[in-house]
N, C-alpha and C. Protein backbone atom coordinates (compact mmCIF):
# COMPACT_ATOMS: atom_id res chain seq x y z
N MET A 1 -1.49 -10.93 -13.19
CA MET A 1 -0.96 -10.51 -11.92
C MET A 1 -2.11 -10.20 -10.98
N SER A 2 -1.99 -10.67 -9.76
CA SER A 2 -3.05 -10.45 -8.77
C SER A 2 -2.92 -9.09 -8.09
N VAL A 3 -3.99 -8.70 -7.43
CA VAL A 3 -3.99 -7.44 -6.68
C VAL A 3 -3.19 -7.65 -5.40
N LYS A 4 -2.31 -6.73 -5.10
CA LYS A 4 -1.46 -6.84 -3.91
C LYS A 4 -2.06 -6.07 -2.75
N SER A 5 -1.77 -6.53 -1.54
CA SER A 5 -2.29 -5.86 -0.34
C SER A 5 -1.54 -4.56 -0.08
N ASP A 6 -2.18 -3.68 0.71
CA ASP A 6 -1.54 -2.41 1.07
C ASP A 6 -0.22 -2.65 1.79
N ARG A 7 -0.19 -3.68 2.63
CA ARG A 7 1.04 -3.99 3.38
C ARG A 7 2.18 -4.34 2.42
N TRP A 8 1.90 -5.14 1.39
CA TRP A 8 2.92 -5.53 0.41
C TRP A 8 3.40 -4.31 -0.36
N ILE A 9 2.47 -3.46 -0.77
CA ILE A 9 2.82 -2.26 -1.54
C ILE A 9 3.72 -1.35 -0.71
N ARG A 10 3.34 -1.11 0.56
CA ARG A 10 4.17 -0.27 1.43
C ARG A 10 5.58 -0.84 1.60
N ARG A 11 5.65 -2.17 1.83
CA ARG A 11 6.95 -2.80 2.05
C ARG A 11 7.84 -2.71 0.82
N MET A 12 7.29 -2.98 -0.35
CA MET A 12 8.08 -2.90 -1.58
C MET A 12 8.53 -1.47 -1.86
N ALA A 13 7.65 -0.51 -1.58
CA ALA A 13 7.99 0.90 -1.82
C ALA A 13 9.13 1.34 -0.91
N VAL A 14 9.06 0.95 0.36
CA VAL A 14 10.07 1.38 1.32
C VAL A 14 11.38 0.60 1.15
N GLU A 15 11.30 -0.73 1.06
CA GLU A 15 12.50 -1.56 1.03
C GLU A 15 13.20 -1.57 -0.33
N HIS A 16 12.43 -1.50 -1.40
CA HIS A 16 13.00 -1.67 -2.73
C HIS A 16 12.86 -0.45 -3.64
N GLY A 17 12.24 0.61 -3.13
CA GLY A 17 12.10 1.83 -3.92
C GLY A 17 11.29 1.65 -5.19
N MET A 18 10.29 0.74 -5.15
CA MET A 18 9.50 0.46 -6.35
C MET A 18 8.60 1.62 -6.75
N ILE A 19 8.22 2.45 -5.79
CA ILE A 19 7.36 3.60 -6.08
C ILE A 19 8.08 4.85 -5.59
N GLU A 20 8.45 5.71 -6.50
CA GLU A 20 9.14 6.95 -6.14
C GLU A 20 8.46 8.12 -6.81
N PRO A 21 8.05 9.14 -6.13
CA PRO A 21 8.04 9.23 -4.66
C PRO A 21 6.84 8.47 -4.09
N PHE A 22 7.03 7.86 -2.93
CA PHE A 22 5.96 7.10 -2.26
C PHE A 22 5.47 7.90 -1.07
N SER A 23 4.17 8.06 -0.97
CA SER A 23 3.57 8.78 0.16
C SER A 23 2.62 7.84 0.89
N PRO A 24 3.04 7.26 2.00
CA PRO A 24 2.19 6.30 2.71
C PRO A 24 0.90 6.91 3.25
N THR A 25 0.84 8.23 3.37
CA THR A 25 -0.37 8.86 3.89
C THR A 25 -1.50 8.84 2.87
N GLN A 26 -1.21 8.57 1.61
CA GLN A 26 -2.25 8.51 0.60
C GLN A 26 -2.90 7.14 0.52
N VAL A 27 -2.37 6.17 1.24
CA VAL A 27 -2.96 4.84 1.26
C VAL A 27 -4.09 4.84 2.27
N ARG A 28 -5.27 4.40 1.85
CA ARG A 28 -6.43 4.42 2.74
C ARG A 28 -6.27 3.38 3.84
N GLU A 29 -6.75 3.73 5.02
CA GLU A 29 -6.74 2.79 6.13
C GLU A 29 -7.85 1.76 5.91
N ARG A 30 -7.73 0.65 6.59
CA ARG A 30 -8.70 -0.42 6.47
C ARG A 30 -10.06 0.02 7.01
N THR A 31 -11.12 -0.36 6.33
CA THR A 31 -12.46 -0.02 6.79
C THR A 31 -13.31 -1.28 6.90
N ASP A 32 -14.31 -1.22 7.75
CA ASP A 32 -15.25 -2.32 7.90
C ASP A 32 -16.32 -2.16 6.83
N GLU A 33 -16.35 -3.07 5.87
CA GLU A 33 -17.26 -2.94 4.75
C GLU A 33 -18.67 -3.45 5.06
N ASN A 34 -18.87 -3.96 6.27
CA ASN A 34 -20.19 -4.49 6.62
C ASN A 34 -21.06 -3.48 7.35
N GLY A 35 -20.66 -2.25 7.37
CA GLY A 35 -21.51 -1.26 7.99
C GLY A 35 -20.79 -0.43 8.93
């Protein structure tokens, strides 16, 4: 199984209840890894 994007994880958690309880605030925001 491949690594899923944050967007996919959020969508599955909200739409399908795959993660209970789900806290979207614990998901890190995107960062620029080049500096």
